[in-house]
Amino acid sequence: MVKEEGRWGNVTMKKVDNYKYYKGHSEWVSCKRMAQHAMVLEKRIAQLTESQNNSLRTINIAWSKFSEKDISGLNQLKTMA
């Protein structure tokens, strides 16, 4: 059980299953809360990865629409620049 003081001085007792004391911190940190934050970050990373993959797919589709003639013309422009 962990004693937690609220905004207006209300005191509540919370049951924390797993907690660990970190040196230099004045509070007991809930491992469960840290795991929840990690899960949120993992979900966000998955969303960003999916977005990046969709962008790459769109670029590849756009690139595939060029004909060989267009690509050779682009290569000539690259060498001229």
PDB file of N, CA and C in Angstrom:
ATOM      1  N   MET A   1       0.845  -1.190   0.000  1.00  0.00           N
ATOM      2  CA  MET A   1       0.000   0.000   0.000  1.00  0.00           C
ATOM      3  C   MET A   1       0.888   1.251   0.000  1.00  0.00           C
ATOM      4  N   VAL A   2       0.480   2.199  -0.814  1.00  0.00           N
ATOM      5  CA  VAL A   2       1.216   3.451  -0.922  1.00  0.00           C
ATOM      6  C   VAL A   2       0.268   4.594  -0.599  1.00  0.00           C
ATOM      7  N   LYS A   3       0.722   5.492   0.257  1.00  0.00           N
ATOM      8  CA  LYS A   3      -0.081   6.643   0.646  1.00  0.00           C
ATOM      9  C   LYS A   3       0.131   7.743  -0.390  1.00  0.00           C
ATOM     10  N   GLU A   4      -0.974   8.267  -0.919  1.00  0.00           N
ATOM     11  CA  GLU A   4      -0.894   9.298  -1.943  1.00  0.00           C
ATOM     12  C   GLU A   4      -1.765  10.467  -1.534  1.00  0.00           C
ATOM     13  N   GLU A   5      -1.169  11.672  -1.510  1.00  0.00           N
ATOM     14  CA  GLU A   5      -1.926  12.852  -1.109  1.00  0.00           C
ATOM     15  C   GLU A   5      -2.452  13.550  -2.355  1.00  0.00           C
ATOM     16  N   GLY A   6      -3.738  13.865  -2.350  1.00  0.00           N
ATOM     17  CA  GLY A   6      -4.383  14.477  -3.506  1.00  0.00           C
ATOM     18  C   GLY A   6      -4.199  15.973  -3.558  1.00  0.00           C
ATOM     19  N   ARG A   7      -4.936  16.590  -4.447  1.00  0.00           N
ATOM     20  CA  ARG A   7      -4.807  18.016  -4.716  1.00  0.00           C
ATOM     21  C   ARG A   7      -5.189  18.889  -3.522  1.00  0.00           C
ATOM     22  N   TRP A   8      -6.273  18.562  -2.853  1.00  0.00           N
ATOM     23  CA  TRP A   8      -6.735  19.378  -1.727  1.00  0.00           C
ATOM     24  C   TRP A   8      -6.468  18.711  -0.392  1.00  0.00           C
ATOM     25  N   GLY A   9      -5.455  17.910  -0.337  1.00  0.00           N
ATOM     26  CA  GLY A   9      -5.082  17.276   0.920  1.00  0.00           C
ATOM     27  C   GLY A   9      -5.795  15.978   1.200  1.00  0.00           C
ATOM     28  N   ASN A  10      -6.575  15.489   0.248  1.00  0.00           N
ATOM     29  CA  ASN A  10      -7.222  14.189   0.428  1.00  0.00           C
ATOM     30  C   ASN A  10      -6.160  13.095   0.362  1.00  0.00           C
ATOM     31  N   VAL A  11      -6.225  12.195   1.313  1.00  0.00           N
ATOM     32  CA  VAL A  11      -5.241  11.119   1.359  1.00  0.00           C
ATOM     33  C   VAL A  11      -5.919   9.817   0.954  1.00  0.00           C
ATOM     34  N   THR A  12      -5.300   9.132   0.018  1.00  0.00           N
ATOM     35  CA  THR A  12      -5.820   7.832  -0.401  1.00  0.00           C
ATOM     36  C   THR A  12      -4.706   6.804  -0.306  1.00  0.00           C
ATOM     37  N   MET A  13      -5.115   5.581  -0.095  1.00  0.00           N
ATOM     38  CA  MET A  13      -4.157   4.480  -0.054  1.00  0.00           C
ATOM     39  C   MET A  13      -4.322   3.697  -1.343  1.00  0.00           C
ATOM     40  N   LYS A  14      -3.233   3.505  -2.055  1.00  0.00           N
ATOM     41  CA  LYS A  14      -3.274   2.759  -3.304  1.00  0.00           C
ATOM     42  C   LYS A  14      -2.454   1.491  -3.153  1.00  0.00           C
ATOM     43  N   LYS A  15      -2.997   0.426  -3.715  1.00  0.00           N
ATOM     44  CA  LYS A  15      -2.258  -0.827  -3.713  1.00  0.00           C
ATOM     45  C   LYS A  15      -1.396  -0.872  -4.975  1.00  0.00           C
ATOM     46  N   VAL A  16      -0.110  -0.994  -4.799  1.00  0.00           N
ATOM     47  CA  VAL A  16       0.820  -1.081  -5.914  1.00  0.00           C
ATOM     48  C   VAL A  16       1.458  -2.458  -5.856  1.00  0.00           C
ATOM     49  N   ASP A  17       1.257  -3.234  -6.911  1.00  0.00           N
ATOM     50  CA  ASP A  17       1.770  -4.601  -6.912  1.00  0.00           C
ATOM     51  C   ASP A  17       3.292  -4.638  -6.977  1.00  0.00           C
ATOM     52  N   ASN A  18       3.828  -3.997  -7.978  1.00  0.00           N
ATOM     53  CA  ASN A  18       5.277  -4.013  -8.162  1.00  0.00           C
ATOM     54  C   ASN A  18       5.787  -2.581  -8.151  1.00  0.00           C
ATOM     55  N   TYR A  19       6.694  -2.284  -7.271  1.00  0.00           N
ATOM     56  CA  TYR A  19       7.268  -0.959  -7.248  1.00  0.00           C
ATOM     57  C   TYR A  19       8.745  -1.084  -6.914  1.00  0.00           C
ATOM     58  N   LYS A  20       9.485  -0.087  -7.294  1.00  0.00           N
ATOM     59  CA  LYS A  20      10.923  -0.121  -7.101  1.00  0.00           C
ATOM     60  C   LYS A  20      11.376   1.279  -6.712  1.00  0.00           C
ATOM     61  N   TYR A  21      12.287   1.368  -5.781  1.00  0.00           N
ATOM     62  CA  TYR A  21      12.795   2.650  -5.346  1.00  0.00           C
ATOM     63  C   TYR A  21      14.032   2.989  -6.170  1.00  0.00           C
ATOM     64  N   TYR A  22      14.011   4.129  -6.830  1.00  0.00           N
ATOM     65  CA  TYR A  22      15.151   4.557  -7.612  1.00  0.00           C
ATOM     66  C   TYR A  22      15.966   5.550  -6.802  1.00  0.00           C
ATOM     67  N   LYS A  23      17.256   5.336  -6.743  1.00  0.00           N
ATOM     68  CA  LYS A  23      18.137   6.199  -5.971  1.00  0.00           C
ATOM     69  C   LYS A  23      18.067   7.619  -6.538  1.00  0.00           C
ATOM     70  N   GLY A  24      17.980   8.601  -5.671  1.00  0.00           N
ATOM     71  CA  GLY A  24      17.894   9.980  -6.112  1.00  0.00           C
ATOM     72  C   GLY A  24      16.471  10.476  -6.284  1.00  0.00           C
ATOM     73  N   HIS A  25      15.506   9.593  -6.206  1.00  0.00           N
ATOM     74  CA  HIS A  25      14.102   9.992  -6.315  1.00  0.00           C
ATOM     75  C   HIS A  25      13.476   9.937  -4.927  1.00  0.00           C
ATOM     76  N   SER A  26      12.589  10.858  -4.679  1.00  0.00           N
ATOM     77  CA  SER A  26      11.958  10.904  -3.365  1.00  0.00           C
ATOM     78  C   SER A  26      10.642  10.146  -3.346  1.00  0.00           C
ATOM     79  N   GLU A  27      10.259   9.540  -4.464  1.00  0.00           N
ATOM     80  CA  GLU A  27       8.977   8.845  -4.530  1.00  0.00           C
ATOM     81  C   GLU A  27       9.186   7.388  -4.883  1.00  0.00           C
ATOM     82  N   TRP A  28       8.179   6.594  -4.580  1.00  0.00           N
ATOM     83  CA  TRP A  28       8.151   5.211  -5.035  1.00  0.00           C
ATOM     84  C   TRP A  28       7.524   5.213  -6.417  1.00  0.00           C
ATOM     85  N   VAL A  29       8.195   4.618  -7.359  1.00  0.00           N
ATOM     86  CA  VAL A  29       7.733   4.634  -8.741  1.00  0.00           C
ATOM     87  C   VAL A  29       7.108   3.295  -9.071  1.00  0.00           C
ATOM     88  N   SER A  30       5.938   3.329  -9.613  1.00  0.00           N
ATOM     89  CA  SER A  30       5.225   2.109  -9.947  1.00  0.00           C
ATOM     90  C   SER A  30       5.772   1.519 -11.241  1.00  0.00           C
ATOM     91  N   CYS A  31       6.202   0.269 -11.184  1.00  0.00           N
ATOM     92  CA  CYS A  31       6.687  -0.415 -12.387  1.00  0.00           C
ATOM     93  C   CYS A  31       5.545  -0.616 -13.376  1.00  0.00           C
ATOM     94  N   LYS A  32       4.343  -0.787 -12.837  1.00  0.00           N
ATOM     95  CA  LYS A  32       3.179  -0.967 -13.702  1.00  0.00           C
ATOM     96  C   LYS A  32       2.968   0.278 -14.559  1.00  0.00           C
ATOM     97  N   ARG A  33       3.089   1.443 -13.949  1.00  0.00           N
ATOM     98  CA  ARG A  33       2.917   2.705 -14.670  1.00  0.00           C
ATOM     99  C   ARG A  33       4.003   2.862 -15.737  1.00  0.00           C
ATOM    100  N   MET A  34       5.238   2.482 -15.377  1.00  0.00           N
ATOM    101  CA  MET A  34       6.335   2.570 -16.334  1.00  0.00           C
ATOM    102  C   MET A  34       6.099   1.623 -17.509  1.00  0.00           C
ATOM    103  N   ALA A  35       5.554   0.449 -17.229  1.00  0.00           N
ATOM    104  CA  ALA A  35       5.256  -0.511 -18.296  1.00  0.00           C
ATOM    105  C   ALA A  35       4.169   0.037 -19.217  1.00  0.00           C
ATOM    106  N   GLN A  36       3.185   0.726 -18.641  1.00  0.00           N
ATOM    107  CA  GLN A  36       2.126   1.328 -19.458  1.00  0.00           C
ATOM    108  C   GLN A  36       2.705   2.396 -20.388  1.00  0.00           C
ATOM    109  N   HIS A  37       3.626   3.212 -19.863  1.00  0.00           N
ATOM    110  CA  HIS A  37       4.266   4.227 -20.695  1.00  0.00           C
ATOM    111  C   HIS A  37       5.064   3.570 -21.817  1.00  0.00           C
ATOM    112  N   ALA A  38       5.753   2.484 -21.501  1.00  0.00           N
ATOM    113  CA  ALA A  38       6.535   1.772 -22.517  1.00  0.00           C
ATOM    114  C   ALA A  38       5.623   1.211 -23.606  1.00  0.00           C
ATOM    115  N   MET A  39       4.456   0.691 -23.206  1.00  0.00           N
ATOM    116  CA  MET A  39       3.518   0.148 -24.188  1.00  0.00           C
ATOM    117  C   MET A  39       2.986   1.247 -25.105  1.00  0.00           C
ATOM    118  N   VAL A  40       2.728   2.430 -24.548  1.00  0.00           N
ATOM    119  CA  VAL A  40       2.260   3.556 -25.359  1.00  0.00           C
ATOM    120  C   VAL A  40       3.341   3.949 -26.371  1.00  0.00           C
ATOM    121  N   LEU A  41       4.601   3.984 -25.913  1.00  0.00           N
ATOM    122  CA  LEU A  41       5.694   4.326 -26.819  1.00  0.00           C
ATOM    123  C   LEU A  41       5.849   3.289 -27.923  1.00  0.00           C
ATOM    124  N   GLU A  42       5.738   2.006 -27.565  1.00  0.00           N
ATOM    125  CA  GLU A  42       5.839   0.944 -28.570  1.00  0.00           C
ATOM    126  C   GLU A  42       4.726   1.072 -29.612  1.00  0.00           C
ATOM    127  N   LYS A  43       3.521   1.414 -29.164  1.00  0.00           N
ATOM    128  CA  LYS A  43       2.396   1.589 -30.090  1.00  0.00           C
ATOM    129  C   LYS A  43       2.670   2.759 -31.035  1.00  0.00           C
ATOM    130  N   ARG A  44       3.192   3.846 -30.498  1.00  0.00           N
ATOM    131  CA  ARG A  44       3.494   5.030 -31.317  1.00  0.00           C
ATOM    132  C   ARG A  44       4.590   4.718 -32.335  1.00  0.00           C
ATOM    133  N   ILE A  45       5.609   3.958 -31.911  1.00  0.00           N
ATOM    134  CA  ILE A  45       6.679   3.568 -32.833  1.00  0.00           C
ATOM    135  C   ILE A  45       6.116   2.718 -33.963  1.00  0.00           C
ATOM    136  N   ALA A  46       5.202   1.809 -33.632  1.00  0.00           N
ATOM    137  CA  ALA A  46       4.577   0.967 -34.657  1.00  0.00           C
ATOM    138  C   ALA A  46       3.785   1.826 -35.647  1.00  0.00           C
ATOM    139  N   GLN A  47       3.078   2.845 -35.146  1.00  0.00           N
ATOM    140  CA  GLN A  47       2.314   3.735 -36.024  1.00  0.00           C
ATOM    141  C   GLN A  47       3.243   4.517 -36.952  1.00  0.00           C
ATOM    142  N   LEU A  48       4.361   5.014 -36.405  1.00  0.00           N
ATOM    143  CA  LEU A  48       5.305   5.768 -37.226  1.00  0.00           C
ATOM    144  C   LEU A  48       5.956   4.879 -38.282  1.00  0.00           C
ATOM    145  N   THR A  49       6.272   3.645 -37.911  1.00  0.00           N
ATOM    146  CA  THR A  49       6.860   2.701 -38.860  1.00  0.00           C
ATOM    147  C   THR A  49       5.887   2.406 -39.991  1.00  0.00           C
ATOM    148  N   GLU A  50       4.624   2.208 -39.638  1.00  0.00           N
ATOM    149  CA  GLU A  50       3.601   1.947 -40.656  1.00  0.00           C
ATOM    150  C   GLU A  50       3.448   3.146 -41.589  1.00  0.00           C
ATOM    151  N   SER A  51       3.464   4.342 -41.027  1.00  0.00           N
ATOM    152  CA  SER A  51       3.352   5.556 -41.831  1.00  0.00           C
ATOM    153  C   SER A  51       4.540   5.684 -42.783  1.00  0.00           C
ATOM    154  N   GLN A  52       5.734   5.381 -42.281  1.00  0.00           N
ATOM    155  CA  GLN A  52       6.931   5.448 -43.116  1.00  0.00           C
ATOM    156  C   GLN A  52       6.858   4.425 -44.252  1.00  0.00           C
ATOM    157  N   ASN A  53       6.409   3.220 -43.938  1.00  0.00           N
ATOM    158  CA  ASN A  53       6.279   2.185 -44.968  1.00  0.00           C
ATOM    159  C   ASN A  53       5.268   2.589 -46.035  1.00  0.00           C
ATOM    160  N   ASN A  54       4.157   3.207 -45.611  1.00  0.00           N
ATOM    161  CA  ASN A  54       3.154   3.681 -46.572  1.00  0.00           C
ATOM    162  C   ASN A  54       3.739   4.755 -47.486  1.00  0.00           C
ATOM    163  N   SER A  55       4.551   5.652 -46.913  1.00  0.00           N
ATOM    164  CA  SER A  55       5.182   6.698 -47.722  1.00  0.00           C
ATOM    165  C   SER A  55       6.135   6.086 -48.742  1.00  0.00           C
ATOM    166  N   LEU A  56       6.926   5.103 -48.299  1.00  0.00           N
ATOM    167  CA  LEU A  56       7.859   4.448 -49.218  1.00  0.00           C
ATOM    168  C   LEU A  56       7.115   3.726 -50.335  1.00  0.00           C
ATOM    169  N   ARG A  57       5.996   3.082 -49.990  1.00  0.00           N
ATOM    170  CA  ARG A  57       5.184   2.412 -51.008  1.00  0.00           C
ATOM    171  C   ARG A  57       4.669   3.421 -52.037  1.00  0.00           C
ATOM    172  N   THR A  58       4.208   4.572 -51.559  1.00  0.00           N
ATOM    173  CA  THR A  58       3.702   5.613 -52.455  1.00  0.00           C
ATOM    174  C   THR A  58       4.808   6.109 -53.384  1.00  0.00           C
ATOM    175  N   ILE A  59       6.005   6.303 -52.837  1.00  0.00           N
ATOM    176  CA  ILE A  59       7.140   6.752 -53.654  1.00  0.00           C
ATOM    177  C   ILE A  59       7.485   5.701 -54.703  1.00  0.00           C
ATOM    178  N   ASN A  60       7.499   4.435 -54.304  1.00  0.00           N
ATOM    179  CA  ASN A  60       7.817   3.363 -55.251  1.00  0.00           C
ATOM    180  C   ASN A  60       6.778   3.268 -56.361  1.00  0.00           C
ATOM    181  N   ILE A  61       5.510   3.449 -56.017  1.00  0.00           N
ATOM    182  CA  ILE A  61       4.452   3.414 -57.036  1.00  0.00           C
ATOM    183  C   ILE A  61       4.632   4.577 -58.009  1.00  0.00           C
ATOM    184  N   ALA A  62       4.923   5.764 -57.474  1.00  0.00           N
ATOM    185  CA  ALA A  62       5.126   6.930 -58.337  1.00  0.00           C
ATOM    186  C   ALA A  62       6.353   6.724 -59.226  1.00  0.00           C
ATOM    187  N   TRP A  63       7.404   6.141 -58.677  1.00  0.00           N
ATOM    188  CA  TRP A  63       8.637   5.907 -59.436  1.00  0.00           C
ATOM    189  C   TRP A  63       8.393   4.890 -60.548  1.00  0.00           C
ATOM    190  N   SER A  64       7.560   3.894 -60.287  1.00  0.00           N
ATOM    191  CA  SER A  64       7.315   2.850 -61.283  1.00  0.00           C
ATOM    192  C   SER A  64       6.515   3.370 -62.479  1.00  0.00           C
ATOM    193  N   LYS A  65       5.884   4.527 -62.340  1.00  0.00           N
ATOM    194  CA  LYS A  65       5.106   5.098 -63.448  1.00  0.00           C
ATOM    195  C   LYS A  65       5.994   5.738 -64.517  1.00  0.00           C
ATOM    196  N   PHE A  66       7.283   5.990 -64.167  1.00  0.00           N
ATOM    197  CA  PHE A  66       8.197   6.549 -65.156  1.00  0.00           C
ATOM    198  C   PHE A  66       8.546   5.486 -66.187  1.00  0.00           C
ATOM    199  N   SER A  67       8.627   5.906 -67.428  1.00  0.00           N
ATOM    200  CA  SER A  67       9.059   4.966 -68.471  1.00  0.00           C
ATOM    201  C   SER A  67      10.586   4.984 -68.541  1.00  0.00           C
ATOM    202  N   GLU A  68      11.157   4.057 -69.303  1.00  0.00           N
ATOM    203  CA  GLU A  68      12.612   3.995 -69.450  1.00  0.00           C
ATOM    204  C   GLU A  68      13.155   5.288 -70.052  1.00  0.00           C
ATOM    205  N   LYS A  69      12.405   5.864 -70.972  1.00  0.00           N
ATOM    206  CA  LYS A  69      12.837   7.105 -71.612  1.00  0.00           C
ATOM    207  C   LYS A  69      12.929   8.231 -70.581  1.00  0.00           C
ATOM    208  N   ASP A  70      11.926   8.311 -69.700  1.00  0.00           N
ATOM    209  CA  ASP A  70      11.931   9.346 -68.659  1.00  0.00           C
ATOM    210  C   ASP A  70      13.107   9.156 -67.713  1.00  0.00           C
ATOM    211  N   ILE A  71      13.397   7.902 -67.374  1.00  0.00           N
ATOM    212  CA  ILE A  71      14.483   7.621 -66.435  1.00  0.00           C
ATOM    213  C   ILE A  71      15.819   7.992 -67.054  1.00  0.00           C
ATOM    214  N   SER A  72      16.012   7.685 -68.333  1.00  0.00           N
ATOM    215  CA  SER A  72      17.280   8.049 -68.981  1.00  0.00           C
ATOM    216  C   SER A  72      17.413   9.572 -69.051  1.00  0.00           C
ATOM    217  N   GLY A  73      16.295  10.255 -69.287  1.00  0.00           N
ATOM    218  CA  GLY A  73      16.326  11.718 -69.289  1.00  0.00           C
ATOM    219  C   GLY A  73      16.679  12.272 -67.920  1.00  0.00           C
ATOM    220  N   LEU A  74      16.149  11.667 -66.865  1.00  0.00           N
ATOM    221  CA  LEU A  74      16.478  12.107 -65.505  1.00  0.00           C
ATOM    222  C   LEU A  74      17.950  11.862 -65.207  1.00  0.00           C
ATOM    223  N   ASN A  75      18.482  10.729 -65.654  1.00  0.00           N
ATOM    224  CA  ASN A  75      19.899  10.433 -65.432  1.00  0.00           C
ATOM    225  C   ASN A  75      20.782  11.444 -66.152  1.00  0.00           C
ATOM    226  N   GLN A  76      20.385  11.855 -67.353  1.00  0.00           N
ATOM    227  CA  GLN A  76      21.149  12.873 -68.075  1.00  0.00           C
ATOM    228  C   GLN A  76      21.127  14.194 -67.317  1.00  0.00           C
ATOM    229  N   LEU A  77      19.971  14.540 -66.756  1.00  0.00           N
ATOM    230  CA  LEU A  77      19.889  15.776 -65.973  1.00  0.00           C
ATOM    231  C   LEU A  77      20.779  15.704 -64.742  1.00  0.00           C
ATOM    232  N   LYS A  78      20.831  14.525 -64.113  1.00  0.00           N
ATOM    233  CA  LYS A  78      21.685  14.364 -62.931  1.00  0.00           C
ATOM    234  C   LYS A  78      23.146  14.569 -63.292  1.00  0.00           C
ATOM    235  N   THR A  79      23.574  14.000 -64.426  1.00  0.00           N
ATOM    236  CA  THR A  79      24.980  14.134 -64.820  1.00  0.00           C
ATOM    237  C   THR A  79      25.301  15.565 -65.230  1.00  0.00           C
ATOM    238  N   MET A  80      24.330  16.277 -65.771  1.00  0.00           N
ATOM    239  CA  MET A  80      24.564  17.662 -66.161  1.00  0.00           C
ATOM    240  C   MET A  80      24.665  18.573 -64.943  1.00  0.00           C
ATOM    241  N   ALA A  81      23.983  18.228 -63.873  1.00  0.00           N
ATOM    242  CA  ALA A  81      23.934  19.099 -62.699  1.00  0.00           C
ATOM    243  C   ALA A  81      25.153  19.005 -61.842  1.00  0.00           C
TER     244      ALA A  81
END
